[in-house]
Amino acid sequence: MAQKFDVVIIGAGHNGLTAAAYLAKKGLTVGVFEARGVIGGAAVTEEFYPGFRNSTASYLVGMLSPKVVSELGLVEAGLKIVKRTANDFMPLPDGRYLLDETGKDEDYIKQLDKLHPGDGAGYIRMDEDLKEVIVAVSELMHRTPPNLGGGYMDLFTAISAGLQLRHFSARAQSTLVRLITMSAADFLNQYFKGDAIRGGYGYLASVGTFQSPSAPGSAYVILHHSFGVTNAEQGLWGHAIGGMGAVSNTIAKVAKAAGAVIEVNAPVASVKTRGGIACGIVLKDGREIEAIRVVANTTPNVLYEKLVAPELLPEEFRNTVSRYRSHSATLRMNVALSELPDFTCLPGKELGVHHGGSVVIAPSLEYLEDAYDDAKKGGWAKNPAIEMWISSTVDPTLAPKGQHVASLFCQHFHKTLSDGRNWDDYREEAADVAIKTMTQYAPNFAKSIIGRQVLTPKDLEQKIGLTGGDIFHGSLSIDQIFSMRPVPGYADYRTPVPMLYLCGSGTHPGGGVTGIPGRGAAREILKDFRSKPHKTKSDIYS
């Protein structure tokens, strides 16, 4: 006899687990089926070299919604997030550096002014502008967006959102418009003159979206990364003890305690339908799981192009999905280290404050522009932008005593290599470029590596299910956020197939380990359980 649930969820990434926890806590029977042998999706901790564990893909906690943490009781369930000793450490080619030590803004401002007079004031002004927008916009992050072409309820939601924006100060409205429309370069040039600080913020604009810092709209990603909160402190990114897998495992613990069933090594072959309505899933081992509602914690492309029969989707909808852009051009690496990096600009292999923050190699906007130019025709950056986080500096559970593990998050590496080249043949060569780049700033770095794990864009797609290797389940551009995400008319976590929902980062508000898409999808599913059975909604493409 087939297993039966009120809700079945495809994929045990953190958003799928979040949805499962919310739904199970409301008394629904929930089954979660994960293709891999470990839960967490991109938020997972694994041993990549004997004795060394690290967060395989995502690597820092900053965007995890305080509402999700509080409502699910994650701290009470054992999640521990700690501060880092520094936010960012930026070694510069000329031997100088910027060190944004946690809790020492005044010192950082002095550093900025020393590098380029006036940039300290620019930093204060930009920080104030961003914080005002964050306060104003954060509530919209947790709201279900109105659907374009929807009915009166969507119109009411749009009016409500508009009224909230109306209460923003003129300054906040102006900053928001500039962030959405301007290039990162033009936006940053309004605040800074120095190369280093512009390069650091420009790096943020490149993360998750393959674009140059001069591309219109690229400034928005700076805002997206500014929502970081650690233990109620705005603007800080922290570390989860045990790695990012601890986040997923704690959410799963809450879901299981509420009665959810989670099964690994259970890849899904298709969404099961009856009369055009989703009614369960079919696993690749042939088992059929029945459910009243089905939720996909996958990328939009995986759901609509691989799991749903094409005849169930309107032709124009399918065409729109095929044009959905998924390309973060990311090379992700984990390394086991025999010793800490000894930076030329701040020498020493003993643990220092600078080792306990993100080491960012992005010395200027021109550097980022060159990296993009190298990659855009199907290659990779000769001098990539890199963010390195040495997680063992605050979490000794991840490495043997006296040794360390580090995450390297590298931009730009095109998802499709030119001339028919295959990433399987160039994985190590590209990784060597990233190692060489970091070694230019810390001469002992290359020789200190005793083991490494390299994930190309192809690896991120095949191993973790990230279409195009996109860490955000789709680019965060103006035409792919809010009511446009992932497809106009279906921004409310529902799909053209009745009883089928989407809850991954390809939905509002986008990528990052936030839990917000999972929470939002659960909210809409509960609404539908309380009302009449979900009927086919009016289709804007008909």
Protein backbone atom coordinates (compact mmCIF):
# COMPACT_ATOMS: atom_id res chain seq x y z
CA MET A 1 0.00 0.00 0.00
CA ALA A 2 1.32 3.45 -0.94
CA GLN A 3 2.43 5.82 1.80
CA LYS A 4 0.03 8.71 2.30
CA PHE A 5 0.66 12.20 3.65
CA ASP A 6 -1.19 15.47 3.81
CA VAL A 7 1.88 17.09 2.28
CA VAL A 8 4.86 15.55 0.54
CA ILE A 9 8.02 17.62 -0.01
CA ILE A 10 10.58 16.97 -2.74
CA GLY A 11 14.06 17.72 -1.41
CA ALA A 12 15.41 18.20 2.10
CA GLY A 13 17.22 21.47 1.56
CA HIS A 14 16.83 23.94 4.40
CA ASN A 15 13.72 25.53 2.86
CA GLY A 16 12.02 22.19 2.37
CA LEU A 17 12.80 21.30 5.97
CA THR A 18 11.53 24.69 7.11
CA ALA A 19 8.23 24.16 5.30
CA ALA A 20 8.01 20.67 6.77
CA ALA A 21 8.54 21.97 10.30
CA TYR A 22 5.87 24.68 10.00
CA LEU A 23 3.34 22.31 8.45
CA ALA A 24 3.98 19.45 10.86
CA LYS A 25 3.72 21.78 13.85
CA LYS A 26 0.20 22.62 12.61
CA GLY A 27 -0.77 18.95 12.75
CA LEU A 28 -0.41 17.97 9.10
CA THR A 29 1.27 14.70 8.17
CA VAL A 30 4.41 15.53 6.20
CA GLY A 31 6.86 13.39 4.25
CA VAL A 32 10.17 14.75 2.94
CA PHE A 33 12.10 12.80 0.29
CA GLU A 34 15.73 13.65 -0.43
CA ALA A 35 17.80 12.32 -3.33
CA ARG A 36 21.16 12.50 -1.54
CA GLY A 37 22.25 10.48 1.44
CA VAL A 38 22.41 13.59 3.60
CA ILE A 39 19.85 16.30 4.30
CA GLY A 40 20.48 20.01 3.90
CA GLY A 41 20.89 20.60 0.16
CA ALA A 42 23.46 23.39 -0.12
CA ALA A 43 23.44 23.89 3.68
CA VAL A 44 25.28 20.74 4.67
CA THR A 45 28.43 19.77 6.55
CA GLU A 46 30.49 16.84 5.23
CA GLU A 47 33.92 15.29 5.69
CA PHE A 48 35.86 16.14 2.52
CA TYR A 49 39.28 14.86 3.67
CA PRO A 50 40.06 12.39 6.46
CA GLY A 51 39.53 14.19 9.76
CA PHE A 52 38.41 17.45 8.14
CA ARG A 53 34.77 18.55 7.93
CA ASN A 54 33.37 21.75 6.49
CA SER A 55 30.27 23.38 5.08
CA THR A 56 30.25 21.96 1.56
CA ALA A 57 28.48 24.78 -0.29
CA SER A 58 26.91 27.61 1.76
CA TYR A 59 29.32 28.54 4.52
CA LEU A 60 28.14 31.44 6.74
CA VAL A 61 24.98 32.27 8.69
CA GLY A 62 23.70 35.80 8.29
CA MET A 63 20.46 35.77 6.38
CA LEU A 64 18.65 33.13 8.45
CA SER A 65 15.37 34.82 9.36
CA PRO A 66 15.04 35.70 13.05
CA LYS A 67 11.34 34.88 12.65
CA VAL A 68 12.19 31.34 11.54
CA VAL A 69 14.70 30.95 14.37
CA SER A 70 12.16 32.15 16.95
CA GLU A 71 9.00 30.50 15.63
CA LEU A 72 10.64 27.10 15.19
CA GLY A 73 12.61 27.35 18.43
CA LEU A 74 15.93 26.58 16.73
CA VAL A 75 18.11 27.91 19.55
CA GLU A 76 16.18 25.82 22.08
CA ALA A 77 16.63 22.84 19.75
CA GLY A 78 20.41 23.25 19.90
CA LEU A 79 21.43 25.64 17.11
CA LYS A 80 24.42 27.71 18.21
CA ILE A 81 25.60 30.63 16.10
CA VAL A 82 28.75 32.48 17.15
CA LYS A 83 30.27 35.81 16.18
CA ARG A 84 33.46 36.03 14.22
CA THR A 85 36.39 38.17 15.31
CA ALA A 86 36.19 40.19 12.10
CA ASN A 87 33.69 40.85 9.37
CA ASP A 88 36.13 41.28 6.48
CA PHE A 89 39.88 41.30 5.99
CA MET A 90 41.03 42.67 2.64
CA PRO A 91 44.72 42.23 1.77
CA LEU A 92 45.75 44.68 -0.95
CA PRO A 93 48.35 44.27 -3.72
CA ASP A 94 50.47 47.16 -2.43
CA GLY A 95 50.97 45.53 0.98
CA ARG A 96 48.28 47.50 2.81
CA TYR A 97 44.99 46.09 4.04
CA LEU A 98 41.53 46.80 5.43
CA LEU A 99 40.39 44.98 8.57
CA ASP A 100 36.79 45.37 9.65
CA GLU A 101 37.09 44.05 13.19
CA THR A 102 33.80 43.10 14.84
CA GLY A 103 32.50 45.88 17.06
CA LYS A 104 35.18 48.40 16.09
CA ASP A 105 33.56 50.61 13.48
CA GLU A 106 35.52 53.70 14.54
CA ASP A 107 38.80 51.96 13.84
CA TYR A 108 37.55 50.79 10.45
CA ILE A 109 36.47 54.32 9.54
CA LYS A 110 39.97 55.58 10.40
CA GLN A 111 41.46 52.88 8.15
CA LEU A 112 39.22 53.97 5.27
CA ASP A 113 40.22 57.61 5.67
CA LYS A 114 43.88 56.66 5.82
CA LEU A 115 43.60 54.80 2.51
CA HIS A 116 41.54 57.57 0.93
CA PRO A 117 40.42 60.69 2.85
CA GLY A 118 36.65 61.06 2.94
CA ASP A 119 35.80 57.38 2.53
CA GLY A 120 35.12 57.08 6.26
CA ALA A 121 32.27 59.55 5.96
CA GLY A 122 31.09 57.76 2.83
CA TYR A 123 31.00 54.49 4.75
CA ILE A 124 28.90 56.06 7.51
CA ARG A 125 26.49 57.55 4.99
CA MET A 126 26.12 54.33 3.00
CA ASP A 127 25.69 52.26 6.15
CA GLU A 128 22.91 54.58 7.30
CA ASP A 129 21.24 54.47 3.88
CA LEU A 130 21.34 50.67 3.71
CA LYS A 131 20.06 50.22 7.25
CA GLU A 132 17.12 52.54 6.60
CA VAL A 133 16.18 50.54 3.51
CA ILE A 134 16.62 47.24 5.36
CA VAL A 135 14.26 48.34 8.13
CA ALA A 136 11.74 49.45 5.52
CA VAL A 137 12.00 46.44 3.21
CA SER A 138 12.57 43.56 5.65
CA GLU A 139 8.84 43.11 6.26
CA LEU A 140 8.27 42.77 2.50
CA MET A 141 10.78 39.92 2.49
CA HIS A 142 8.34 37.91 4.61
CA ARG A 143 5.23 38.81 2.61
CA THR A 144 3.85 36.78 -0.27
CA PRO A 145 4.26 38.95 -3.38
CA PRO A 146 1.19 39.92 -5.39
CA ASN A 147 0.79 38.08 -8.68
CA LEU A 148 0.96 40.06 -11.88
CA GLY A 149 -2.33 39.60 -13.68
CA GLY A 150 -3.92 38.07 -10.58
CA GLY A 151 -7.33 38.59 -9.05
CA TYR A 152 -8.65 41.03 -6.47
CA MET A 153 -6.66 39.47 -3.62
CA ASP A 154 -3.44 40.04 -5.54
CA LEU A 155 -4.53 43.61 -6.21
CA PHE A 156 -5.18 44.08 -2.49
CA THR A 157 -1.73 42.66 -1.69
CA ALA A 158 -0.11 45.00 -4.22
CA ILE A 159 -1.92 48.00 -2.77
CA SER A 160 -0.90 46.95 0.75
CA ALA A 161 2.74 46.65 -0.30
CA GLY A 162 2.52 50.01 -2.04
CA LEU A 163 1.10 51.63 1.05
CA GLN A 164 3.97 50.25 3.11
CA LEU A 165 6.49 51.71 0.66
CA ARG A 166 4.64 55.00 0.91
CA HIS A 167 5.57 55.18 4.61
CA PHE A 168 9.28 54.94 3.81
CA SER A 169 11.21 58.15 4.22
CA ALA A 170 12.18 59.99 1.05
CA ARG A 171 15.76 58.96 1.76
CA ALA A 172 14.85 55.27 1.97
CA GLN A 173 12.76 55.45 -1.19
CA SER A 174 15.57 57.15 -3.05
CA THR A 175 18.15 54.60 -1.88
CA LEU A 176 15.89 51.69 -2.81
CA VAL A 177 15.36 53.05 -6.32
CA ARG A 178 19.09 53.56 -6.77
CA LEU A 179 19.86 50.04 -5.55
CA ILE A 180 17.35 48.48 -7.91
CA THR A 181 18.27 50.46 -11.01
CA MET A 182 21.93 51.46 -10.76
CA SER A 183 25.09 49.51 -11.43
CA ALA A 184 27.15 48.58 -8.39
CA ALA A 185 29.96 50.78 -9.71
CA ASP A 186 27.79 53.88 -10.09
CA PHE A 187 26.11 53.29 -6.73
CA LEU A 188 29.42 52.87 -4.88
CA ASN A 189 30.99 55.84 -6.63
CA GLN A 190 28.40 58.03 -4.89
CA TYR A 191 29.97 57.15 -1.55
CA PHE A 192 33.63 56.24 -2.10
CA LYS A 193 36.75 57.21 -4.01
CA GLY A 194 39.12 54.49 -2.80
CA ASP A 195 39.61 51.28 -4.78
CA ALA A 196 39.65 48.84 -1.86
CA ILE A 197 36.29 49.65 -0.29
CA ARG A 198 34.61 49.81 -3.70
CA GLY A 199 36.14 46.45 -4.57
CA GLY A 200 34.87 44.91 -1.35
CA TYR A 201 31.29 46.02 -1.88
CA GLY A 202 31.59 45.28 -5.60
CA TYR A 203 32.44 41.71 -4.69
CA LEU A 204 29.11 41.44 -2.88
CA ALA A 205 27.37 42.58 -6.07
CA SER A 206 28.99 39.73 -8.01
CA VAL A 207 27.97 36.97 -5.60
CA GLY A 208 25.11 34.86 -6.88
CA THR A 209 24.73 36.77 -10.14
CA PHE A 210 27.18 36.53 -13.04
CA GLN A 211 27.56 40.16 -14.04
CA SER A 212 30.08 42.96 -14.10
CA PRO A 213 29.99 45.71 -11.48
CA SER A 214 29.09 48.16 -14.27
CA ALA A 215 25.91 46.27 -15.22
CA PRO A 216 22.69 48.23 -14.56
CA GLY A 217 20.81 46.76 -11.59
CA SER A 218 23.85 45.01 -10.14
CA ALA A 219 23.70 47.20 -7.01
CA TYR A 220 20.63 45.28 -5.78
CA VAL A 221 22.71 42.28 -4.75
CA ILE A 222 24.58 44.54 -2.31
CA LEU A 223 21.26 45.15 -0.58
CA HIS A 224 20.38 41.46 -0.62
CA HIS A 225 23.60 40.62 1.23
CA SER A 226 23.08 43.46 3.70
CA PHE A 227 20.16 41.71 5.41
CA GLY A 228 22.63 39.74 7.54
CA VAL A 229 21.63 39.27 11.18
CA THR A 230 23.53 37.24 13.77
CA ASN A 231 21.97 36.74 17.19
CA ALA A 232 19.78 39.84 16.67
CA GLU A 233 22.76 42.01 15.60
CA GLN A 234 22.08 43.63 12.23
CA GLY A 235 24.83 43.52 9.64
CA LEU A 236 26.79 40.63 11.14
CA TRP A 237 27.42 37.23 9.57
CA GLY A 238 28.19 34.42 11.99
CA HIS A 239 29.16 30.76 12.08
CA ALA A 240 26.97 27.83 13.06
CA ILE A 241 28.89 25.47 15.32
CA GLY A 242 29.16 22.23 13.37
CA GLY A 243 28.96 24.04 10.04
CA MET A 244 25.95 24.87 7.90
CA GLY A 245 24.70 21.32 8.26
CA ALA A 246 23.89 22.23 11.85
CA VAL A 247 21.27 24.69 10.57
CA SER A 248 19.57 22.06 8.41
CA ASN A 249 19.88 19.35 11.04
CA THR A 250 18.30 21.54 13.72
CA ILE A 251 15.36 22.44 11.48
CA ALA A 252 14.97 18.73 10.67
CA LYS A 253 15.04 17.92 14.39
CA VAL A 254 12.13 20.32 14.96
CA ALA A 255 10.23 18.89 11.99
CA LYS A 256 10.72 15.30 13.17
CA ALA A 257 9.67 16.19 16.70
CA ALA A 258 6.42 17.49 15.20
CA GLY A 259 5.90 14.21 13.34
CA ALA A 260 7.46 14.82 9.91
CA VAL A 261 9.01 11.81 8.16
CA ILE A 262 12.32 12.45 6.36
CA GLU A 263 13.81 9.88 4.00
CA VAL A 264 17.22 10.14 2.31
CA ASN A 265 18.53 8.25 -0.72
CA ALA A 266 15.06 8.66 -2.17
CA PRO A 267 15.30 10.56 -5.50
CA VAL A 268 12.00 11.64 -7.02
CA ALA A 269 11.27 10.75 -10.65
CA SER A 270 8.11 12.78 -11.17
CA VAL A 271 5.15 14.58 -9.69
CA LYS A 272 2.12 12.30 -9.73
CA THR A 273 -1.10 13.83 -11.01
CA ARG A 274 -4.71 12.78 -11.35
CA GLY A 275 -6.98 14.76 -13.65
CA GLY A 276 -4.28 17.42 -13.97
CA ILE A 277 -4.06 17.87 -10.17
CA ALA A 278 -0.96 16.97 -8.15
CA CYS A 279 -1.66 14.02 -5.87
CA GLY A 280 1.76 12.71 -4.88
CA ILE A 281 5.17 11.74 -6.21
CA VAL A 282 6.79 8.78 -7.92
CA LEU A 283 10.24 7.81 -6.65
CA LYS A 284 12.96 6.52 -8.94
CA ASP A 285 12.79 3.17 -7.15
CA GLY A 286 9.20 2.83 -8.39
CA ARG A 287 7.38 3.64 -5.16
CA GLU A 288 4.41 5.97 -5.32
CA ILE A 289 3.74 8.36 -2.44
CA GLU A 290 0.26 9.86 -2.21
CA ALA A 291 -0.45 13.32 -0.83
CA ILE A 292 -3.10 16.01 -0.82
CA ARG A 293 -0.50 18.62 -1.69
CA VAL A 294 2.99 18.42 -3.18
CA VAL A 295 5.82 20.88 -2.51
CA ALA A 296 9.08 21.09 -4.47
CA ASN A 297 12.22 22.33 -2.74
CA THR A 298 14.03 22.33 -6.09
CA THR A 299 15.05 24.97 -8.58
CA PRO A 300 12.21 26.13 -10.84
CA ASN A 301 13.91 24.47 -13.81
CA VAL A 302 14.15 21.09 -12.10
CA LEU A 303 10.48 21.16 -11.11
CA TYR A 304 9.02 22.40 -14.37
CA GLU A 305 11.41 20.79 -16.85
CA LYS A 306 12.11 17.44 -15.18
CA LEU A 307 9.42 16.53 -12.66
CA VAL A 308 6.18 17.84 -14.18
CA ALA A 309 4.66 16.48 -17.40
CA PRO A 310 5.00 19.29 -19.98
CA GLU A 311 1.39 19.01 -21.11
CA LEU A 312 0.31 20.21 -17.66
CA LEU A 313 1.99 23.57 -18.20
CA PRO A 314 0.88 26.31 -20.61
CA GLU A 315 3.24 26.69 -23.55
CA GLU A 316 4.10 30.32 -22.81
CA PHE A 317 4.77 29.39 -19.18
CA ARG A 318 7.23 26.72 -20.33
CA ASN A 319 8.90 29.25 -22.62
CA THR A 320 9.25 31.70 -19.75
CA VAL A 321 10.80 29.03 -17.51
CA SER A 322 13.27 28.15 -20.26
CA ARG A 323 14.42 31.79 -20.25
CA TYR A 324 14.84 31.91 -16.47
CA ARG A 325 18.48 32.81 -15.84
CA SER A 326 20.51 30.63 -13.50
CA HIS A 327 24.19 31.50 -13.55
CA SER A 328 26.28 32.55 -10.56
CA ALA A 329 29.59 31.48 -12.16
CA THR A 330 30.84 30.09 -8.87
CA LEU A 331 33.74 27.78 -8.11
CA ARG A 332 33.45 26.45 -4.56
CA MET A 333 36.40 24.90 -2.79
CA ASN A 334 37.09 23.45 0.66
CA VAL A 335 40.70 23.01 1.78
CA ALA A 336 42.38 21.23 4.66
CA LEU A 337 45.28 23.30 6.00
CA SER A 338 48.34 22.31 7.99
CA GLU A 339 48.70 25.90 9.21
CA LEU A 340 47.02 29.29 9.03
CA PRO A 341 47.79 31.62 6.10
CA ASP A 342 50.72 33.97 6.69
CA PHE A 343 49.69 37.18 4.94
CA THR A 344 52.38 39.50 3.64
CA CYS A 345 50.42 42.56 4.74
CA LEU A 346 49.79 41.21 8.25
CA PRO A 347 52.41 38.51 8.98
CA GLY A 348 51.99 35.63 11.37
CA LYS A 349 50.79 32.03 11.39
CA GLU A 350 49.47 32.27 14.94
CA LEU A 351 45.72 32.83 15.16
CA GLY A 352 44.98 36.53 14.72
CA VAL A 353 41.86 38.64 14.56
CA HIS A 354 42.15 38.81 10.77
CA HIS A 355 42.05 35.02 10.45
CA GLY A 356 38.60 35.02 12.04
CA GLY A 357 36.81 36.97 9.32
CA SER A 358 36.13 36.68 5.60
CA VAL A 359 39.36 37.13 3.65
CA VAL A 360 38.25 39.01 0.55
CA ILE A 361 40.40 39.26 -2.57
CA ALA A 362 38.73 41.96 -4.67
CA PRO A 363 41.03 44.98 -4.54
CA SER A 364 39.10 47.18 -6.99
CA LEU A 365 36.11 47.42 -9.30
CA GLU A 366 38.52 47.15 -12.23
CA TYR A 367 39.76 43.84 -10.84
CA LEU A 368 36.17 42.55 -10.77
CA GLU A 369 35.50 43.88 -14.28
CA ASP A 370 38.57 42.04 -15.58
CA ALA A 371 37.49 38.83 -13.84
CA TYR A 372 34.08 39.08 -15.50
CA ASP A 373 35.62 39.82 -18.90
CA ASP A 374 37.85 36.74 -18.62
CA ALA A 375 34.89 34.48 -17.92
CA LYS A 376 32.06 35.87 -20.04
CA LYS A 377 33.08 34.12 -23.25
CA GLY A 378 33.18 30.70 -21.69
CA GLY A 379 36.25 30.71 -19.50
CA TRP A 380 37.26 31.70 -16.00
CA ALA A 381 38.95 34.61 -14.29
CA LYS A 382 42.73 34.68 -14.50
CA ASN A 383 42.66 36.54 -11.19
CA PRO A 384 39.38 35.52 -9.54
CA ALA A 385 37.60 37.39 -6.79
CA ILE A 386 37.70 35.18 -3.69
CA GLU A 387 36.10 35.11 -0.28
CA MET A 388 37.82 32.72 2.13
CA TRP A 389 36.40 31.79 5.51
CA ILE A 390 38.59 29.74 7.87
CA SER A 391 35.76 28.19 9.88
CA SER A 392 38.01 26.24 12.26
CA THR A 393 39.19 29.51 13.81
CA VAL A 394 35.92 29.65 15.75
CA ASP A 395 34.87 25.99 15.51
CA PRO A 396 37.52 23.43 16.51
CA THR A 397 35.07 20.55 15.86
CA LEU A 398 35.82 20.79 12.14
CA ALA A 399 39.54 19.97 12.02
CA PRO A 400 42.23 18.09 13.96
CA LYS A 401 43.96 20.08 16.69
CA GLY A 402 46.50 22.52 15.31
CA GLN A 403 45.12 22.29 11.78
CA HIS A 404 42.38 24.16 9.95
CA VAL A 405 39.69 24.07 7.27
CA ALA A 406 38.73 26.91 4.95
CA SER A 407 35.99 27.64 2.44
CA LEU A 408 36.94 29.40 -0.78
CA PHE A 409 34.10 31.03 -2.69
CA CYS A 410 35.47 32.06 -6.08
CA GLN A 411 34.09 34.27 -8.90
CA HIS A 412 33.96 34.19 -12.02
CA PHE A 413 33.87 30.70 -13.57
CA HIS A 414 31.49 30.33 -16.51
CA LYS A 415 28.99 27.49 -16.20
CA THR A 416 29.58 26.47 -19.83
CA LEU A 417 33.16 26.38 -21.07
CA SER A 418 33.83 27.43 -24.65
CA ASP A 419 35.05 25.22 -27.50
CA GLY A 420 33.27 22.16 -26.17
CA ARG A 421 35.47 21.90 -23.11
CA ASN A 422 34.14 19.93 -20.15
CA TRP A 423 34.47 21.10 -16.55
CA ASP A 424 35.47 17.56 -15.55
CA ASP A 425 38.71 18.04 -17.49
CA TYR A 426 39.47 21.53 -16.17
CA ARG A 427 38.34 21.33 -12.54
CA GLU A 428 41.82 21.11 -11.04
CA GLU A 429 43.36 23.66 -13.40
CA ALA A 430 40.74 26.24 -12.44
CA ALA A 431 41.17 25.42 -8.75
CA ASP A 432 44.92 25.95 -9.10
CA VAL A 433 44.25 29.48 -10.39
CA ALA A 434 42.28 30.28 -7.25
CA ILE A 435 44.99 28.81 -5.02
CA LYS A 436 47.67 30.78 -6.87
CA THR A 437 45.67 33.98 -6.42
CA MET A 438 45.36 33.53 -2.66
CA THR A 439 49.05 32.54 -2.42
CA GLN A 440 50.01 35.92 -3.90
CA TYR A 441 48.75 37.44 -0.65
CA ALA A 442 49.75 34.61 1.74
CA PRO A 443 52.95 32.96 0.38
CA ASN A 444 52.60 29.84 2.56
CA PHE A 445 49.03 29.12 1.47
CA ALA A 446 49.59 26.69 -1.41
CA LYS A 447 52.07 24.53 0.48
CA SER A 448 49.85 24.43 3.56
CA ILE A 449 47.06 22.62 1.67
CA ILE A 450 46.97 18.91 2.50
CA GLY A 451 43.60 18.14 0.93
CA ARG A 452 40.95 19.87 -1.12
CA GLN A 453 37.44 19.49 -2.52
CA VAL A 454 36.62 21.37 -5.71
CA LEU A 455 33.09 22.02 -6.95
CA THR A 456 32.70 23.60 -10.39
CA PRO A 457 29.38 25.01 -11.61
CA LYS A 458 28.76 21.60 -13.21
CA ASP A 459 29.46 19.84 -9.89
CA LEU A 460 27.10 22.17 -8.02
CA GLU A 461 24.36 21.27 -10.49
CA GLN A 462 24.94 17.53 -10.58
CA LYS A 463 25.72 16.93 -6.90
CA ILE A 464 23.47 19.47 -5.17
CA GLY A 465 20.82 20.16 -7.80
CA LEU A 466 21.65 23.83 -8.41
CA THR A 467 20.65 24.49 -12.01
CA GLY A 468 23.56 26.12 -13.83
CA GLY A 469 25.52 25.93 -10.58
CA ASP A 470 23.48 28.94 -9.40
CA ILE A 471 23.71 29.26 -5.62
CA PHE A 472 20.54 31.37 -5.51
CA HIS A 473 18.30 29.12 -7.66
CA GLY A 474 18.21 31.94 -10.21
CA SER A 475 19.82 35.33 -10.71
CA LEU A 476 18.71 38.17 -8.44
CA SER A 477 18.05 40.72 -11.15
CA ILE A 478 15.17 43.18 -11.26
CA ASP A 479 13.20 40.93 -13.65
CA GLN A 480 13.61 37.91 -11.37
CA ILE A 481 12.65 39.23 -7.94
CA PHE A 482 9.42 39.85 -5.98
CA SER A 483 6.35 39.45 -8.26
CA MET A 484 8.59 38.33 -11.13
CA ARG A 485 10.12 35.39 -9.24
CA PRO A 486 10.23 32.80 -10.62
CA VAL A 487 7.55 33.43 -13.25
CA PRO A 488 5.10 36.34 -13.52
CA GLY A 489 1.69 35.26 -12.28
CA TYR A 490 3.12 32.58 -9.98
CA ALA A 491 5.07 34.48 -7.33
CA ASP A 492 2.85 33.20 -4.47
CA TYR A 493 4.61 29.79 -4.17
CA ARG A 494 1.78 28.16 -6.15
CA THR A 495 2.19 26.72 -9.66
CA PRO A 496 0.02 26.20 -12.75
CA VAL A 497 -0.64 22.66 -11.49
CA PRO A 498 -3.29 22.68 -8.73
CA MET A 499 -2.07 21.33 -5.37
CA LEU A 500 1.60 21.77 -6.42
CA TYR A 501 3.84 24.38 -4.76
CA LEU A 502 7.43 25.60 -4.96
CA CYS A 503 9.35 26.51 -1.78
CA GLY A 504 13.02 26.87 -2.75
CA SER A 505 15.27 29.89 -3.26
CA GLY A 506 13.81 30.29 -6.75
CA THR A 507 10.81 31.85 -5.03
CA HIS A 508 10.51 35.12 -3.09
CA PRO A 509 12.70 36.56 -1.60
CA GLY A 510 15.47 34.65 -3.33
CA GLY A 511 18.70 32.94 -2.39
CA GLY A 512 20.69 32.58 0.79
CA VAL A 513 20.07 30.43 3.84
CA THR A 514 17.06 32.40 5.05
CA GLY A 515 14.25 29.88 5.55
CA ILE A 516 11.88 32.58 4.29
CA PRO A 517 10.75 30.77 1.11
CA GLY A 518 9.98 27.65 3.15
CA ARG A 519 8.07 29.69 5.71
CA GLY A 520 6.20 31.59 2.99
CA ALA A 521 5.20 28.45 1.11
CA ALA A 522 3.99 26.82 4.32
CA ARG A 523 1.88 29.90 5.07
CA GLU A 524 0.15 29.70 1.68
CA ILE A 525 -0.35 25.94 1.94
CA LEU A 526 -2.00 26.33 5.33
CA LYS A 527 -4.27 29.02 3.86
CA ASP A 528 -5.32 26.60 1.14
CA PHE A 529 -5.99 23.81 3.64
CA ARG A 530 -8.22 26.18 5.59
CA SER A 531 -10.13 27.27 2.50
CA LYS A 532 -11.63 25.34 -0.38
CA PRO A 533 -9.38 22.86 -2.21
CA HIS A 534 -6.96 24.69 -4.48
CA LYS A 535 -8.60 25.16 -7.87
CA THR A 536 -6.98 26.04 -11.17
CA LYS A 537 -6.19 29.74 -10.99
CA SER A 538 -6.77 32.17 -13.83
CA ASP A 539 -3.81 31.93 -16.16
CA ILE A 540 -2.30 35.17 -17.42
CA TYR A 541 -0.88 33.28 -20.41
CA SER A 542 -4.23 32.01 -21.71
